[in-house]
PDB file of N, CA and C in Angstrom:
ATOM      1  N   MET A   1      10.503   3.887 -12.000  1.00  0.00           N
ATOM      2  CA  MET A   1      10.876   3.182 -13.203  1.00  0.00           C
ATOM      3  C   MET A   1      10.675   4.120 -14.388  1.00  0.00           C
ATOM      4  N   ASN A   2      11.661   4.221 -15.231  1.00  0.00           N
ATOM      5  CA  ASN A   2      11.607   5.100 -16.383  1.00  0.00           C
ATOM      6  C   ASN A   2      11.412   4.281 -17.643  1.00  0.00           C
ATOM      7  N   ALA A   3      10.369   4.571 -18.413  1.00  0.00           N
ATOM      8  CA  ALA A   3      10.077   3.813 -19.630  1.00  0.00           C
ATOM      9  C   ALA A   3      11.146   4.006 -20.696  1.00  0.00           C
ATOM     10  N   MET A   4      11.981   5.019 -20.571  1.00  0.00           N
ATOM     11  CA  MET A   4      12.993   5.303 -21.574  1.00  0.00           C
ATOM     12  C   MET A   4      14.359   4.707 -21.219  1.00  0.00           C
ATOM     13  N   GLN A   5      14.439   3.859 -20.220  1.00  0.00           N
ATOM     14  CA  GLN A   5      15.702   3.230 -19.851  1.00  0.00           C
ATOM     15  C   GLN A   5      16.175   2.326 -20.977  1.00  0.00           C
ATOM     16  N   PRO A   6      17.489   2.238 -21.176  1.00  0.00           N
ATOM     17  CA  PRO A   6      17.991   1.327 -22.210  1.00  0.00           C
ATOM     18  C   PRO A   6      17.749  -0.127 -21.807  1.00  0.00           C
ATOM     19  N   PRO A   7      17.617  -1.032 -22.796  1.00  0.00           N
ATOM     20  CA  PRO A   7      17.445  -2.451 -22.477  1.00  0.00           C
ATOM     21  C   PRO A   7      18.615  -2.973 -21.641  1.00  0.00           C
ATOM     22  N   GLN A   8      18.333  -3.961 -20.797  1.00  0.00           N
ATOM     23  CA  GLN A   8      19.337  -4.511 -19.899  1.00  0.00           C
ATOM     24  C   GLN A   8      19.491  -6.002 -20.134  1.00  0.00           C
ATOM     25  N   SER A   9      20.532  -6.571 -19.510  1.00  0.00           N
ATOM     26  CA  SER A   9      20.756  -8.014 -19.611  1.00  0.00           C
ATOM     27  C   SER A   9      19.749  -8.745 -18.728  1.00  0.00           C
ATOM     28  N   VAL A  10      19.621 -10.041 -18.954  1.00  0.00           N
ATOM     29  CA  VAL A  10      18.697 -10.865 -18.170  1.00  0.00           C
ATOM     30  C   VAL A  10      19.046 -10.786 -16.686  1.00  0.00           C
ATOM     31  N   GLU A  11      20.321 -10.838 -16.362  1.00  0.00           N
ATOM     32  CA  GLU A  11      20.748 -10.794 -14.959  1.00  0.00           C
ATOM     33  C   GLU A  11      20.366  -9.465 -14.310  1.00  0.00           C
ATOM     34  N   GLU A  12      20.544  -8.363 -15.042  1.00  0.00           N
ATOM     35  CA  GLU A  12      20.189  -7.051 -14.505  1.00  0.00           C
ATOM     36  C   GLU A  12      18.681  -6.938 -14.295  1.00  0.00           C
ATOM     37  N   ILE A  13      17.916  -7.486 -15.212  1.00  0.00           N
ATOM     38  CA  ILE A  13      16.457  -7.448 -15.086  1.00  0.00           C
ATOM     39  C   ILE A  13      16.015  -8.267 -13.878  1.00  0.00           C
ATOM     40  N   LYS A  14      16.541  -9.486 -13.746  1.00  0.00           N
ATOM     41  CA  LYS A  14      16.169 -10.348 -12.610  1.00  0.00           C
ATOM     42  C   LYS A  14      16.520  -9.698 -11.283  1.00  0.00           C
ATOM     43  N   ALA A  15      17.655  -9.006 -11.228  1.00  0.00           N
ATOM     44  CA  ALA A  15      18.082  -8.358  -9.989  1.00  0.00           C
ATOM     45  C   ALA A  15      17.122  -7.242  -9.580  1.00  0.00           C
ATOM     46  N   GLY A  16      16.407  -6.661 -10.537  1.00  0.00           N
ATOM     47  CA  GLY A  16      15.496  -5.569 -10.241  1.00  0.00           C
ATOM     48  C   GLY A  16      14.070  -5.983  -9.958  1.00  0.00           C
ATOM     49  N   LEU A  17      13.780  -7.277  -9.982  1.00  0.00           N
ATOM     50  CA  LEU A  17      12.413  -7.746  -9.761  1.00  0.00           C
ATOM     51  C   LEU A  17      12.112  -7.933  -8.280  1.00  0.00           C
ATOM     52  N   GLU A  18      10.846  -7.750  -7.925  1.00  0.00           N
ATOM     53  CA  GLU A  18      10.394  -8.020  -6.556  1.00  0.00           C
ATOM     54  C   GLU A  18      10.402  -9.524  -6.340  1.00  0.00           C
ATOM     55  N   THR A  19      10.747  -9.946  -5.130  1.00  0.00           N
ATOM     56  CA  THR A  19      10.798 -11.370  -4.824  1.00  0.00           C
ATOM     57  C   THR A  19       9.862 -11.712  -3.667  1.00  0.00           C
ATOM     58  N   THR A  20       9.583 -13.005  -3.545  1.00  0.00           N
ATOM     59  CA  THR A  20       8.767 -13.503  -2.438  1.00  0.00           C
ATOM     60  C   THR A  20       9.654 -13.698  -1.218  1.00  0.00           C
ATOM     61  N   GLU A  21       9.040 -14.065  -0.110  1.00  0.00           N
ATOM     62  CA  GLU A  21       9.788 -14.318   1.117  1.00  0.00           C
ATOM     63  C   GLU A  21      10.765 -15.482   0.943  1.00  0.00           C
ATOM     64  N   LYS A  22      10.432 -16.411   0.030  1.00  0.00           N
ATOM     65  CA  LYS A  22      11.287 -17.578  -0.207  1.00  0.00           C
ATOM     66  C   LYS A  22      12.338 -17.332  -1.284  1.00  0.00           C
ATOM     67  N   GLY A  23      12.363 -16.131  -1.848  1.00  0.00           N
ATOM     68  CA  GLY A  23      13.378 -15.802  -2.840  1.00  0.00           C
ATOM     69  C   GLY A  23      12.967 -15.977  -4.285  1.00  0.00           C
ATOM     70  N   GLY A  24      11.735 -16.422  -4.518  1.00  0.00           N
ATOM     71  CA  GLY A  24      11.251 -16.569  -5.895  1.00  0.00           C
ATOM     72  C   GLY A  24      10.796 -15.229  -6.454  1.00  0.00           C
ATOM     73  N   VAL A  25      10.594 -15.179  -7.735  1.00  0.00           N
ATOM     74  CA  VAL A  25      10.119 -13.946  -8.366  1.00  0.00           C
ATOM     75  C   VAL A  25       8.628 -13.790  -8.083  1.00  0.00           C
ATOM     76  N   ARG A  26       8.262 -12.619  -7.560  1.00  0.00           N
ATOM     77  CA  ARG A  26       6.859 -12.335  -7.240  1.00  0.00           C
ATOM     78  C   ARG A  26       6.091 -12.071  -8.535  1.00  0.00           C
ATOM     79  N   GLN A  27       4.907 -12.684  -8.648  1.00  0.00           N
ATOM     80  CA  GLN A  27       4.043 -12.445  -9.801  1.00  0.00           C
ATOM     81  C   GLN A  27       3.261 -11.162  -9.538  1.00  0.00           C
ATOM     82  N   SER A  28       3.708 -10.067 -10.154  1.00  0.00           N
ATOM     83  CA  SER A  28       3.065  -8.780  -9.917  1.00  0.00           C
ATOM     84  C   SER A  28       3.068  -7.937 -11.187  1.00  0.00           C
ATOM     85  N   ILE A  29       2.181  -6.966 -11.216  1.00  0.00           N
ATOM     86  CA  ILE A  29       2.121  -6.038 -12.343  1.00  0.00           C
ATOM     87  C   ILE A  29       3.434  -5.262 -12.435  1.00  0.00           C
ATOM     88  N   ARG A  30       3.976  -4.883 -11.305  1.00  0.00           N
ATOM     89  CA  ARG A  30       5.238  -4.128 -11.300  1.00  0.00           C
ATOM     90  C   ARG A  30       6.351  -4.921 -11.973  1.00  0.00           C
ATOM     91  N   ASN A  31       6.467  -6.218 -11.649  1.00  0.00           N
ATOM     92  CA  ASN A  31       7.494  -7.053 -12.278  1.00  0.00           C
ATOM     93  C   ASN A  31       7.231  -7.197 -13.773  1.00  0.00           C
ATOM     94  N   CYS A  32       5.975  -7.333 -14.141  1.00  0.00           N
ATOM     95  CA  CYS A  32       5.615  -7.437 -15.555  1.00  0.00           C
ATOM     96  C   CYS A  32       6.051  -6.181 -16.307  1.00  0.00           C
ATOM     97  N   LEU A  33       5.754  -5.023 -15.760  1.00  0.00           N
ATOM     98  CA  LEU A  33       6.153  -3.767 -16.388  1.00  0.00           C
ATOM     99  C   LEU A  33       7.665  -3.638 -16.465  1.00  0.00           C
ATOM    100  N   THR A  34       8.355  -4.062 -15.413  1.00  0.00           N
ATOM    101  CA  THR A  34       9.818  -4.007 -15.409  1.00  0.00           C
ATOM    102  C   THR A  34      10.385  -4.807 -16.569  1.00  0.00           C
ATOM    103  N   VAL A  35       9.879  -6.009 -16.771  1.00  0.00           N
ATOM    104  CA  VAL A  35      10.374  -6.863 -17.856  1.00  0.00           C
ATOM    105  C   VAL A  35      10.042  -6.249 -19.212  1.00  0.00           C
ATOM    106  N   PHE A  36       8.811  -5.779 -19.402  1.00  0.00           N
ATOM    107  CA  PHE A  36       8.421  -5.198 -20.691  1.00  0.00           C
ATOM    108  C   PHE A  36       9.221  -3.942 -21.021  1.00  0.00           C
ATOM    109  N   GLN A  37       9.625  -3.192 -20.018  1.00  0.00           N
ATOM    110  CA  GLN A  37      10.369  -1.963 -20.265  1.00  0.00           C
ATOM    111  C   GLN A  37      11.858  -2.201 -20.464  1.00  0.00           C
ATOM    112  N   ARG A  38      12.416  -3.215 -19.830  1.00  0.00           N
ATOM    113  CA  ARG A  38      13.872  -3.381 -19.829  1.00  0.00           C
ATOM    114  C   ARG A  38      14.407  -4.506 -20.703  1.00  0.00           C
ATOM    115  N   ASP A  39      13.582  -5.491 -21.031  1.00  0.00           N
ATOM    116  CA  ASP A  39      14.048  -6.612 -21.851  1.00  0.00           C
ATOM    117  C   ASP A  39      14.264  -6.137 -23.287  1.00  0.00           C
ATOM    118  N   PRO A  40      15.435  -6.430 -23.873  1.00  0.00           N
ATOM    119  CA  PRO A  40      15.710  -5.945 -25.232  1.00  0.00           C
ATOM    120  C   PRO A  40      14.751  -6.497 -26.286  1.00  0.00           C
ATOM    121  N   LEU A  41      14.188  -7.676 -26.074  1.00  0.00           N
ATOM    122  CA  LEU A  41      13.247  -8.243 -27.043  1.00  0.00           C
ATOM    123  C   LEU A  41      11.838  -7.685 -26.885  1.00  0.00           C
ATOM    124  N   LEU A  42      11.480  -7.288 -25.680  1.00  0.00           N
ATOM    125  CA  LEU A  42      10.118  -6.831 -25.413  1.00  0.00           C
ATOM    126  C   LEU A  42       9.977  -5.313 -25.340  1.00  0.00           C
ATOM    127  N   SER A  43      11.074  -4.623 -25.094  1.00  0.00           N
ATOM    128  CA  SER A  43      11.039  -3.172 -24.973  1.00  0.00           C
ATOM    129  C   SER A  43      10.516  -2.548 -26.262  1.00  0.00           C
ATOM    130  N   GLY A  44       9.448  -1.802 -26.167  1.00  0.00           N
ATOM    131  CA  GLY A  44       8.858  -1.153 -27.330  1.00  0.00           C
ATOM    132  C   GLY A  44       8.024  -2.066 -28.206  1.00  0.00           C
ATOM    133  N   ALA A  45       7.723  -3.272 -27.744  1.00  0.00           N
ATOM    134  CA  ALA A  45       6.991  -4.242 -28.557  1.00  0.00           C
ATOM    135  C   ALA A  45       5.488  -3.988 -28.588  1.00  0.00           C
ATOM    136  N   ILE A  46       4.972  -3.259 -27.616  1.00  0.00           N
ATOM    137  CA  ILE A  46       3.539  -2.999 -27.547  1.00  0.00           C
ATOM    138  C   ILE A  46       3.328  -1.490 -27.530  1.00  0.00           C
ATOM    139  N   ALA A  47       2.402  -1.033 -28.362  1.00  0.00           N
ATOM    140  CA  ALA A  47       2.120   0.400 -28.444  1.00  0.00           C
ATOM    141  C   ALA A  47       0.616   0.618 -28.547  1.00  0.00           C
ATOM    142  N   TYR A  48       0.187   1.789 -28.129  1.00  0.00           N
ATOM    143  CA  TYR A  48      -1.220   2.157 -28.236  1.00  0.00           C
ATOM    144  C   TYR A  48      -1.433   2.854 -29.573  1.00  0.00           C
ATOM    145  N   ASN A  49      -2.413   2.399 -30.335  1.00  0.00           N
ATOM    146  CA  ASN A  49      -2.741   2.963 -31.635  1.00  0.00           C
ATOM    147  C   ASN A  49      -3.952   3.874 -31.462  1.00  0.00           C
ATOM    148  N   ILE A  50      -3.744   5.186 -31.581  1.00  0.00           N
ATOM    149  CA  ILE A  50      -4.849   6.124 -31.351  1.00  0.00           C
ATOM    150  C   ILE A  50      -5.883   6.089 -32.474  1.00  0.00           C
ATOM    151  N   LEU A  51      -5.497   5.628 -33.658  1.00  0.00           N
ATOM    152  CA  LEU A  51      -6.456   5.556 -34.763  1.00  0.00           C
ATOM    153  C   LEU A  51      -7.470   4.431 -34.574  1.00  0.00           C
ATOM    154  N   THR A  52      -6.999   3.294 -34.061  1.00  0.00           N
ATOM    155  CA  THR A  52      -7.891   2.151 -33.856  1.00  0.00           C
ATOM    156  C   THR A  52      -8.375   2.035 -32.416  1.00  0.00           C
ATOM    157  N   ASP A  53      -7.787   2.839 -31.509  1.00  0.00           N
ATOM    158  CA  ASP A  53      -8.109   2.806 -30.084  1.00  0.00           C
ATOM    159  C   ASP A  53      -7.817   1.427 -29.487  1.00  0.00           C
ATOM    160  N   ARG A  54      -6.729   0.815 -29.967  1.00  0.00           N
ATOM    161  CA  ARG A  54      -6.332  -0.519 -29.502  1.00  0.00           C
ATOM    162  C   ARG A  54      -4.833  -0.559 -29.257  1.00  0.00           C
ATOM    163  N   LYS A  55      -4.407  -1.608 -28.583  1.00  0.00           N
ATOM    164  CA  LYS A  55      -2.983  -1.856 -28.383  1.00  0.00           C
ATOM    165  C   LYS A  55      -2.482  -2.707 -29.541  1.00  0.00           C
ATOM    166  N   ASP A  56      -1.319  -2.366 -30.076  1.00  0.00           N
ATOM    167  CA  ASP A  56      -0.734  -3.100 -31.193  1.00  0.00           C
ATOM    168  C   ASP A  56       0.585  -3.731 -30.780  1.00  0.00           C
ATOM    169  N   ILE A  57       0.834  -4.939 -31.270  1.00  0.00           N
ATOM    170  CA  ILE A  57       2.139  -5.572 -31.119  1.00  0.00           C
ATOM    171  C   ILE A  57       2.931  -5.161 -32.347  1.00  0.00           C
ATOM    172  N   ILE A  58       4.032  -4.432 -32.124  1.00  0.00           N
ATOM    173  CA  ILE A  58       4.749  -3.858 -33.254  1.00  0.00           C
ATOM    174  C   ILE A  58       6.103  -4.496 -33.518  1.00  0.00           C
ATOM    175  N   LYS A  59       6.477  -5.480 -32.728  1.00  0.00           N
ATOM    176  CA  LYS A  59       7.708  -6.230 -32.974  1.00  0.00           C
ATOM    177  C   LYS A  59       7.339  -7.686 -33.205  1.00  0.00           C
ATOM    178  N   PRO A  60       7.993  -8.328 -34.182  1.00  0.00           N
ATOM    179  CA  PRO A  60       7.686  -9.754 -34.430  1.00  0.00           C
ATOM    180  C   PRO A  60       8.171 -10.643 -33.310  1.00  0.00           C
TER     181      PRO A  60
END
């Protein structure tokens, strides 16, 4: 997974998620990262602030 990938549509994001044996979306860190990296609303929304040593939410 490349953090610099362009944002994708909801359908493209869902197609790339891991699923359970029954076909549901698996609750996993990998799926969470996939959504945060590829969703146009969430992509780039969280950043690490080296001055405060904390994570910042930078998109409203």
